[in-house]
């Protein structure tokens, strides 16, 4: 049995990808929300208040979990498959 957070996240990559593409990007217009917050922060964050940072945390967390899951997929060694047949 694999232990640790990264292998567990790697097992749920499709779910994490859907979460990142929907929750992580919503609302989609005029630009993805997380991208808007990141560019605002990169420009110095002038005028950002506490709930803007909280909003960035909420919209960015699916992306962080997806990246951690991908790292877990790459770094976790594959477990060898055993045959279900019994030899007597």
PDB file of N, CA and C in Angstrom:
ATOM      1  N   UNK A   1       0.834  -1.180   0.000  1.00  0.00           N
ATOM      2  CA  UNK A   1       0.000   0.000   0.000  1.00  0.00           C
ATOM      3  C   UNK A   1       0.879   1.244   0.000  1.00  0.00           C
ATOM      4  N   UNK A   2       0.570   2.175  -0.879  1.00  0.00           N
ATOM      5  CA  UNK A   2       1.335   3.408  -0.943  1.00  0.00           C
ATOM      6  C   UNK A   2       0.912   4.317   0.201  1.00  0.00           C
ATOM      7  N   UNK A   3       1.882   4.995   0.777  1.00  0.00           N
ATOM      8  CA  UNK A   3       1.581   5.905   1.872  1.00  0.00           C
ATOM      9  C   UNK A   3       2.037   7.303   1.496  1.00  0.00           C
ATOM     10  N   UNK A   4       1.452   8.272   2.130  1.00  0.00           N
ATOM     11  CA  UNK A   4       1.821   9.655   1.890  1.00  0.00           C
ATOM     12  C   UNK A   4       0.773  10.371   1.059  1.00  0.00           C
ATOM     13  N   UNK A   5       0.875  11.681   1.062  1.00  0.00           N
ATOM     14  CA  UNK A   5      -0.112  12.513   0.389  1.00  0.00           C
ATOM     15  C   UNK A   5       0.021  12.464  -1.124  1.00  0.00           C
ATOM     16  N   UNK A   6       1.235  12.524  -1.648  1.00  0.00           N
ATOM     17  CA  UNK A   6       1.418  12.589  -3.098  1.00  0.00           C
ATOM     18  C   UNK A   6       0.882  11.360  -3.832  1.00  0.00           C
ATOM     19  N   UNK A   7       1.137  10.143  -3.368  1.00  0.00           N
ATOM     20  CA  UNK A   7       0.540   8.996  -4.060  1.00  0.00           C
ATOM     21  C   UNK A   7      -0.985   8.973  -3.982  1.00  0.00           C
ATOM     22  N   UNK A   8      -1.539   9.447  -2.869  1.00  0.00           N
ATOM     23  CA  UNK A   8      -2.996   9.488  -2.751  1.00  0.00           C
ATOM     24  C   UNK A   8      -3.590  10.498  -3.724  1.00  0.00           C
ATOM     25  N   UNK A   9      -2.932  11.640  -3.875  1.00  0.00           N
ATOM     26  CA  UNK A   9      -3.400  12.631  -4.842  1.00  0.00           C
ATOM     27  C   UNK A   9      -3.236  12.118  -6.267  1.00  0.00           C
ATOM     28  N   UNK A  10      -2.176  11.383  -6.517  1.00  0.00           N
ATOM     29  CA  UNK A  10      -1.933  10.840  -7.853  1.00  0.00           C
ATOM     30  C   UNK A  10      -3.020   9.867  -8.260  1.00  0.00           C
ATOM     31  N   UNK A  11      -3.639   9.224  -7.298  1.00  0.00           N
ATOM     32  CA  UNK A  11      -4.705   8.274  -7.605  1.00  0.00           C
ATOM     33  C   UNK A  11      -5.985   8.971  -8.046  1.00  0.00           C
ATOM     34  N   UNK A  12      -6.088  10.265  -7.795  1.00  0.00           N
ATOM     35  CA  UNK A  12      -7.303  11.020  -8.103  1.00  0.00           C
ATOM     36  C   UNK A  12      -7.064  12.106  -9.146  1.00  0.00           C
ATOM     37  N   UNK A  13      -6.146  11.876 -10.068  1.00  0.00           N
ATOM     38  CA  UNK A  13      -5.818  12.889 -11.068  1.00  0.00           C
ATOM     39  C   UNK A  13      -7.002  13.332 -11.932  1.00  0.00           C
ATOM     40  N   UNK A  14      -7.857  12.439 -12.410  1.00  0.00           N
ATOM     41  CA  UNK A  14      -8.992  12.925 -13.212  1.00  0.00           C
ATOM     42  C   UNK A  14      -9.910  13.867 -12.437  1.00  0.00           C
ATOM     43  N   UNK A  15     -10.186  13.542 -11.189  1.00  0.00           N
ATOM     44  CA  UNK A  15     -11.033  14.404 -10.363  1.00  0.00           C
ATOM     45  C   UNK A  15     -10.363  15.747 -10.119  1.00  0.00           C
ATOM     46  N   UNK A  16      -9.067  15.729  -9.856  1.00  0.00           N
ATOM     47  CA  UNK A  16      -8.337  16.968  -9.623  1.00  0.00           C
ATOM     48  C   UNK A  16      -8.289  17.829 -10.882  1.00  0.00           C
ATOM     49  N   UNK A  17      -8.168  17.199 -12.033  1.00  0.00           N
ATOM     50  CA  UNK A  17      -8.148  17.952 -13.292  1.00  0.00           C
ATOM     51  C   UNK A  17      -9.492  18.625 -13.542  1.00  0.00           C
ATOM     52  N   UNK A  18     -10.583  17.919 -13.270  1.00  0.00           N
ATOM     53  CA  UNK A  18     -11.909  18.511 -13.449  1.00  0.00           C
ATOM     54  C   UNK A  18     -12.107  19.666 -12.467  1.00  0.00           C
ATOM     55  N   UNK A  19     -11.659  19.491 -11.237  1.00  0.00           N
ATOM     56  CA  UNK A  19     -11.789  20.557 -10.240  1.00  0.00           C
ATOM     57  C   UNK A  19     -10.979  21.785 -10.639  1.00  0.00           C
ATOM     58  N   UNK A  20      -9.775  21.561 -11.154  1.00  0.00           N
ATOM     59  CA  UNK A  20      -8.935  22.694 -11.551  1.00  0.00           C
ATOM     60  C   UNK A  20      -9.524  23.429 -12.743  1.00  0.00           C
ATOM     61  N   UNK A  21     -10.079  22.700 -13.691  1.00  0.00           N
ATOM     62  CA  UNK A  21     -10.625  23.341 -14.880  1.00  0.00           C
ATOM     63  C   UNK A  21     -11.968  24.016 -14.630  1.00  0.00           C
ATOM     64  N   UNK A  22     -12.718  23.562 -13.648  1.00  0.00           N
ATOM     65  CA  UNK A  22     -14.014  24.188 -13.377  1.00  0.00           C
ATOM     66  C   UNK A  22     -13.912  25.177 -12.218  1.00  0.00           C
ATOM     67  N   UNK A  23     -13.633  24.695 -11.028  1.00  0.00           N
ATOM     68  CA  UNK A  23     -13.557  25.571  -9.863  1.00  0.00           C
ATOM     69  C   UNK A  23     -12.355  26.505  -9.919  1.00  0.00           C
ATOM     70  N   UNK A  24     -11.271  26.020 -10.470  1.00  0.00           N
ATOM     71  CA  UNK A  24     -10.054  26.825 -10.518  1.00  0.00           C
ATOM     72  C   UNK A  24     -10.112  27.961 -11.513  1.00  0.00           C
ATOM     73  N   UNK A  25     -10.932  27.836 -12.533  1.00  0.00           N
ATOM     74  CA  UNK A  25     -11.008  28.879 -13.556  1.00  0.00           C
ATOM     75  C   UNK A  25     -12.281  29.721 -13.484  1.00  0.00           C
ATOM     76  N   UNK A  26     -13.290  29.267 -12.763  1.00  0.00           N
ATOM     77  CA  UNK A  26     -14.580  29.976 -12.732  1.00  0.00           C
ATOM     78  C   UNK A  26     -14.445  31.310 -12.001  1.00  0.00           C
ATOM     79  N   UNK A  27     -15.148  32.338 -12.359  1.00  0.00           N
ATOM     80  CA  UNK A  27     -15.908  32.543 -13.586  1.00  0.00           C
ATOM     81  C   UNK A  27     -14.958  32.740 -14.765  1.00  0.00           C
ATOM     82  N   UNK A  28     -15.387  32.299 -15.923  1.00  0.00           N
ATOM     83  CA  UNK A  28     -14.515  32.231 -17.097  1.00  0.00           C
ATOM     84  C   UNK A  28     -14.382  33.554 -17.843  1.00  0.00           C
ATOM     85  N   UNK A  29     -15.355  34.446 -17.727  1.00  0.00           N
ATOM     86  CA  UNK A  29     -15.299  35.693 -18.475  1.00  0.00           C
ATOM     87  C   UNK A  29     -15.231  36.870 -17.512  1.00  0.00           C
ATOM     88  N   UNK A  30     -14.558  37.938 -17.782  1.00  0.00           N
ATOM     89  CA  UNK A  30     -13.835  38.256 -19.005  1.00  0.00           C
ATOM     90  C   UNK A  30     -12.502  37.525 -19.103  1.00  0.00           C
ATOM     91  N   UNK A  31     -11.963  37.070 -17.975  1.00  0.00           N
ATOM     92  CA  UNK A  31     -10.792  36.197 -17.972  1.00  0.00           C
ATOM     93  C   UNK A  31     -10.919  35.284 -16.760  1.00  0.00           C
ATOM     94  N   UNK A  32     -10.222  34.146 -16.770  1.00  0.00           N
ATOM     95  CA  UNK A  32     -10.327  33.247 -15.615  1.00  0.00           C
ATOM     96  C   UNK A  32      -9.970  33.968 -14.315  1.00  0.00           C
ATOM     97  N   UNK A  33     -10.752  33.698 -13.301  1.00  0.00           N
ATOM     98  CA  UNK A  33     -10.651  34.429 -12.049  1.00  0.00           C
ATOM     99  C   UNK A  33      -9.280  34.277 -11.394  1.00  0.00           C
ATOM    100  N   UNK A  34      -8.767  33.066 -11.370  1.00  0.00           N
ATOM    101  CA  UNK A  34      -7.473  32.849 -10.726  1.00  0.00           C
ATOM    102  C   UNK A  34      -6.376  33.577 -11.498  1.00  0.00           C
ATOM    103  N   UNK A  35      -6.481  33.632 -12.815  1.00  0.00           N
ATOM    104  CA  UNK A  35      -5.486  34.347 -13.622  1.00  0.00           C
ATOM    105  C   UNK A  35      -5.556  35.843 -13.341  1.00  0.00           C
ATOM    106  N   UNK A  36      -6.762  36.367 -13.187  1.00  0.00           N
ATOM    107  CA  UNK A  36      -6.953  37.781 -12.870  1.00  0.00           C
ATOM    108  C   UNK A  36      -6.300  38.120 -11.531  1.00  0.00           C
ATOM    109  N   UNK A  37      -6.494  37.271 -10.540  1.00  0.00           N
ATOM    110  CA  UNK A  37      -5.909  37.515  -9.216  1.00  0.00           C
ATOM    111  C   UNK A  37      -4.381  37.397  -9.253  1.00  0.00           C
ATOM    112  N   UNK A  38      -3.875  36.415 -10.010  1.00  0.00           N
ATOM    113  CA  UNK A  38      -2.423  36.256 -10.105  1.00  0.00           C
ATOM    114  C   UNK A  38      -1.765  37.443 -10.798  1.00  0.00           C
ATOM    115  N   UNK A  39      -2.375  37.948 -11.874  1.00  0.00           N
ATOM    116  CA  UNK A  39      -1.795  39.114 -12.548  1.00  0.00           C
ATOM    117  C   UNK A  39      -1.897  40.350 -11.669  1.00  0.00           C
ATOM    118  N   UNK A  40      -2.980  40.469 -10.930  1.00  0.00           N
ATOM    119  CA  UNK A  40      -3.123  41.582 -10.002  1.00  0.00           C
ATOM    120  C   UNK A  40      -2.037  41.530  -8.933  1.00  0.00           C
ATOM    121  N   UNK A  41      -1.765  40.335  -8.417  1.00  0.00           N
ATOM    122  CA  UNK A  41      -0.734  40.156  -7.414  1.00  0.00           C
ATOM    123  C   UNK A  41       0.658  40.406  -7.997  1.00  0.00           C
ATOM    124  N   UNK A  42       0.882  39.961  -9.228  1.00  0.00           N
ATOM    125  CA  UNK A  42       2.180  40.153  -9.878  1.00  0.00           C
ATOM    126  C   UNK A  42       2.468  41.627 -10.155  1.00  0.00           C
ATOM    127  N   UNK A  43       1.423  42.420 -10.310  1.00  0.00           N
ATOM    128  CA  UNK A  43       1.595  43.854 -10.549  1.00  0.00           C
ATOM    129  C   UNK A  43       1.731  44.644  -9.257  1.00  0.00           C
ATOM    130  N   UNK A  44       1.882  43.967  -8.156  1.00  0.00           N
ATOM    131  CA  UNK A  44       2.117  44.630  -6.881  1.00  0.00           C
ATOM    132  C   UNK A  44       0.985  44.498  -5.890  1.00  0.00           C
ATOM    133  N   UNK A  45      -0.167  44.055  -6.340  1.00  0.00           N
ATOM    134  CA  UNK A  45      -1.283  43.837  -5.441  1.00  0.00           C
ATOM    135  C   UNK A  45      -1.874  45.112  -4.857  1.00  0.00           C
ATOM    136  N   UNK A  46      -1.696  46.221  -5.556  1.00  0.00           N
ATOM    137  CA  UNK A  46      -2.257  47.484  -5.060  1.00  0.00           C
ATOM    138  C   UNK A  46      -3.776  47.403  -5.024  1.00  0.00           C
ATOM    139  N   UNK A  47      -4.357  47.659  -3.887  1.00  0.00           N
ATOM    140  CA  UNK A  47      -5.792  47.643  -3.727  1.00  0.00           C
ATOM    141  C   UNK A  47      -6.375  46.305  -3.327  1.00  0.00           C
ATOM    142  N   UNK A  48      -5.535  45.272  -3.217  1.00  0.00           N
ATOM    143  CA  UNK A  48      -6.049  43.973  -2.790  1.00  0.00           C
ATOM    144  C   UNK A  48      -6.341  44.016  -1.296  1.00  0.00           C
ATOM    145  N   UNK A  49      -7.442  43.417  -0.915  1.00  0.00           N
ATOM    146  CA  UNK A  49      -7.816  43.320   0.497  1.00  0.00           C
ATOM    147  C   UNK A  49      -7.862  41.843   0.882  1.00  0.00           C
ATOM    148  N   UNK A  50      -8.166  41.559   2.137  1.00  0.00           N
ATOM    149  CA  UNK A  50      -8.046  40.199   2.652  1.00  0.00           C
ATOM    150  C   UNK A  50      -8.870  39.203   1.865  1.00  0.00           C
ATOM    151  N   UNK A  51     -10.057  39.584   1.429  1.00  0.00           N
ATOM    152  CA  UNK A  51     -10.903  38.617   0.734  1.00  0.00           C
ATOM    153  C   UNK A  51     -10.417  38.344  -0.683  1.00  0.00           C
ATOM    154  N   UNK A  52      -9.593  39.225  -1.251  1.00  0.00           N
ATOM    155  CA  UNK A  52      -8.972  38.928  -2.544  1.00  0.00           C
ATOM    156  C   UNK A  52      -7.925  37.827  -2.392  1.00  0.00           C
ATOM    157  N   UNK A  53      -7.174  37.878  -1.305  1.00  0.00           N
ATOM    158  CA  UNK A  53      -6.193  36.817  -1.038  1.00  0.00           C
ATOM    159  C   UNK A  53      -6.894  35.499  -0.734  1.00  0.00           C
ATOM    160  N   UNK A  54      -7.979  35.562   0.020  1.00  0.00           N
ATOM    161  CA  UNK A  54      -8.764  34.362   0.317  1.00  0.00           C
ATOM    162  C   UNK A  54      -9.357  33.781  -0.966  1.00  0.00           C
ATOM    163  N   UNK A  55      -9.824  34.637  -1.846  1.00  0.00           N
ATOM    164  CA  UNK A  55     -10.374  34.212  -3.133  1.00  0.00           C
ATOM    165  C   UNK A  55      -9.297  33.540  -3.984  1.00  0.00           C
ATOM    166  N   UNK A  56      -8.097  34.107  -3.958  1.00  0.00           N
ATOM    167  CA  UNK A  56      -6.978  33.491  -4.673  1.00  0.00           C
ATOM    168  C   UNK A  56      -6.656  32.117  -4.092  1.00  0.00           C
ATOM    169  N   UNK A  57      -6.721  31.991  -2.786  1.00  0.00           N
ATOM    170  CA  UNK A  57      -6.490  30.698  -2.145  1.00  0.00           C
ATOM    171  C   UNK A  57      -7.543  29.676  -2.569  1.00  0.00           C
ATOM    172  N   UNK A  58      -8.805  30.073  -2.591  1.00  0.00           N
ATOM    173  CA  UNK A  58      -9.870  29.144  -2.959  1.00  0.00           C
ATOM    174  C   UNK A  58      -9.794  28.729  -4.430  1.00  0.00           C
ATOM    175  N   UNK A  59      -9.540  29.684  -5.321  1.00  0.00           N
ATOM    176  CA  UNK A  59      -9.476  29.355  -6.736  1.00  0.00           C
ATOM    177  C   UNK A  59      -8.142  28.713  -7.125  1.00  0.00           C
ATOM    178  N   UNK A  60      -7.109  28.932  -6.331  1.00  0.00           N
ATOM    179  CA  UNK A  60      -5.800  28.361  -6.635  1.00  0.00           C
ATOM    180  C   UNK A  60      -5.567  26.984  -6.056  1.00  0.00           C
ATOM    181  N   UNK A  61      -6.318  26.617  -5.015  1.00  0.00           N
ATOM    182  CA  UNK A  61      -6.075  25.324  -4.363  1.00  0.00           C
ATOM    183  C   UNK A  61      -6.307  24.119  -5.272  1.00  0.00           C
ATOM    184  N   UNK A  62      -7.308  24.106  -6.178  1.00  0.00           N
ATOM    185  CA  UNK A  62      -7.405  22.949  -7.075  1.00  0.00           C
ATOM    186  C   UNK A  62      -6.178  22.802  -7.974  1.00  0.00           C
ATOM    187  N   UNK A  63      -5.593  23.924  -8.372  1.00  0.00           N
ATOM    188  CA  UNK A  63      -4.396  23.862  -9.213  1.00  0.00           C
ATOM    189  C   UNK A  63      -3.198  23.343  -8.427  1.00  0.00           C
ATOM    190  N   UNK A  64      -3.075  23.768  -7.180  1.00  0.00           N
ATOM    191  CA  UNK A  64      -1.976  23.279  -6.339  1.00  0.00           C
ATOM    192  C   UNK A  64      -2.113  21.779  -6.109  1.00  0.00           C
ATOM    193  N   UNK A  65      -3.322  21.315  -5.828  1.00  0.00           N
ATOM    194  CA  UNK A  65      -3.539  19.877  -5.620  1.00  0.00           C
ATOM    195  C   UNK A  65      -3.275  19.083  -6.891  1.00  0.00           C
ATOM    196  N   UNK A  66      -3.655  19.630  -8.055  1.00  0.00           N
ATOM    197  CA  UNK A  66      -3.377  18.955  -9.323  1.00  0.00           C
ATOM    198  C   UNK A  66      -1.880  18.846  -9.568  1.00  0.00           C
ATOM    199  N   UNK A  67      -1.146  19.907  -9.310  1.00  0.00           N
ATOM    200  CA  UNK A  67       0.309  19.883  -9.496  1.00  0.00           C
ATOM    201  C   UNK A  67       0.951  18.881  -8.540  1.00  0.00           C
ATOM    202  N   UNK A  68       0.496  18.856  -7.278  1.00  0.00           N
ATOM    203  CA  UNK A  68       1.026  17.875  -6.324  1.00  0.00           C
ATOM    204  C   UNK A  68       0.688  16.449  -6.749  1.00  0.00           C
ATOM    205  N   UNK A  69      -0.504  16.236  -7.297  1.00  0.00           N
ATOM    206  CA  UNK A  69      -0.878  14.914  -7.797  1.00  0.00           C
ATOM    207  C   UNK A  69      -0.011  14.483  -8.967  1.00  0.00           C
ATOM    208  N   UNK A  70       0.300  15.421  -9.856  1.00  0.00           N
ATOM    209  CA  UNK A  70       1.182  15.099 -10.984  1.00  0.00           C
ATOM    210  C   UNK A  70       2.592  14.783 -10.503  1.00  0.00           C
ATOM    211  N   UNK A  71       3.057  15.509  -9.504  1.00  0.00           N
ATOM    212  CA  UNK A  71       4.372  15.207  -8.918  1.00  0.00           C
ATOM    213  C   UNK A  71       4.352  13.816  -8.287  1.00  0.00           C
ATOM    214  N   UNK A  72       3.272  13.490  -7.599  1.00  0.00           N
ATOM    215  CA  UNK A  72       3.140  12.161  -6.995  1.00  0.00           C
ATOM    216  C   UNK A  72       3.107  11.064  -8.036  1.00  0.00           C
ATOM    217  N   UNK A  73       2.479  11.332  -9.180  1.00  0.00           N
ATOM    218  CA  UNK A  73       2.418  10.346 -10.265  1.00  0.00           C
ATOM    219  C   UNK A  73       3.806  10.088 -10.845  1.00  0.00           C
ATOM    220  N   UNK A  74       4.592  11.139 -10.964  1.00  0.00           N
ATOM    221  CA  UNK A  74       5.925  11.015 -11.555  1.00  0.00           C
ATOM    222  C   UNK A  74       6.921  10.388 -10.579  1.00  0.00           C
ATOM    223  N   UNK A  75       6.821  10.745  -9.305  1.00  0.00           N
ATOM    224  CA  UNK A  75       7.824  10.298  -8.344  1.00  0.00           C
ATOM    225  C   UNK A  75       7.510   8.970  -7.668  1.00  0.00           C
ATOM    226  N   UNK A  76       6.276   8.511  -7.725  1.00  0.00           N
ATOM    227  CA  UNK A  76       5.914   7.249  -7.076  1.00  0.00           C
ATOM    228  C   UNK A  76       6.265   6.089  -7.996  1.00  0.00           C
ATOM    229  N   UNK A  77       7.067   5.141  -7.512  1.00  0.00           N
ATOM    230  CA  UNK A  77       7.390   3.998  -8.361  1.00  0.00           C
ATOM    231  C   UNK A  77       6.147   3.137  -8.611  1.00  0.00           C
ATOM    232  N   UNK A  78       6.082   2.598  -9.784  1.00  0.00           N
ATOM    233  CA  UNK A  78       4.947   1.742 -10.154  1.00  0.00           C
ATOM    234  C   UNK A  78       5.034   0.441  -9.368  1.00  0.00           C
ATOM    235  N   UNK A  79       3.897  -0.016  -8.888  1.00  0.00           N
ATOM    236  CA  UNK A  79       3.874  -1.286  -8.164  1.00  0.00           C
ATOM    237  C   UNK A  79       3.701  -2.408  -9.173  1.00  0.00           C
ATOM    238  N   UNK A  80       4.462  -3.484  -9.022  1.00  0.00           N
ATOM    239  CA  UNK A  80       4.332  -4.593  -9.968  1.00  0.00           C
ATOM    240  C   UNK A  80       2.997  -5.275  -9.801  1.00  0.00           C
ATOM    241  N   UNK A  81       2.387  -5.618 -10.915  1.00  0.00           N
ATOM    242  CA  UNK A  81       1.105  -6.336 -10.884  1.00  0.00           C
ATOM    243  C   UNK A  81       1.348  -7.807 -10.644  1.00  0.00           C
ATOM    244  N   UNK A  82       0.588  -8.367  -9.746  1.00  0.00           N
ATOM    245  CA  UNK A  82       0.727  -9.800  -9.461  1.00  0.00           C
ATOM    246  C   UNK A  82      -0.392 -10.539 -10.177  1.00  0.00           C
ATOM    247  N   UNK A  83      -0.085 -11.742 -10.538  1.00  0.00           N
ATOM    248  CA  UNK A  83      -1.063 -12.564 -11.221  1.00  0.00           C
ATOM    249  C   UNK A  83      -2.104 -13.061 -10.228  1.00  0.00           C
ATOM    250  N   UNK A  84      -3.364 -13.093 -10.665  1.00  0.00           N
ATOM    251  CA  UNK A  84      -4.430 -13.556  -9.797  1.00  0.00           C
ATOM    252  C   UNK A  84      -4.532 -15.082  -9.802  1.00  0.00           C
ATOM    253  N   UNK A  85      -3.833 -15.730 -10.707  1.00  0.00           N
ATOM    254  CA  UNK A  85      -3.891 -17.195 -10.800  1.00  0.00           C
ATOM    255  C   UNK A  85      -3.040 -17.821  -9.704  1.00  0.00           C
ATOM    256  N   UNK A  86      -3.594 -18.861  -9.112  1.00  0.00           N
ATOM    257  CA  UNK A  86      -2.844 -19.635  -8.123  1.00  0.00           C
ATOM    258  C   UNK A  86      -2.329 -20.891  -8.798  1.00  0.00           C
ATOM    259  N   UNK A  87      -1.108 -21.176  -8.493  1.00  0.00           N
ATOM    260  CA  UNK A  87      -0.550 -22.422  -8.998  1.00  0.00           C
ATOM    261  C   UNK A  87      -0.483 -23.419  -7.845  1.00  0.00           C
ATOM    262  N   UNK A  88      -0.964 -24.613  -8.101  1.00  0.00           N
ATOM    263  CA  UNK A  88      -0.989 -25.642  -7.049  1.00  0.00           C
ATOM    264  C   UNK A  88       0.133 -26.621  -7.244  1.00  0.00           C
TER     265      UNK A  88
END
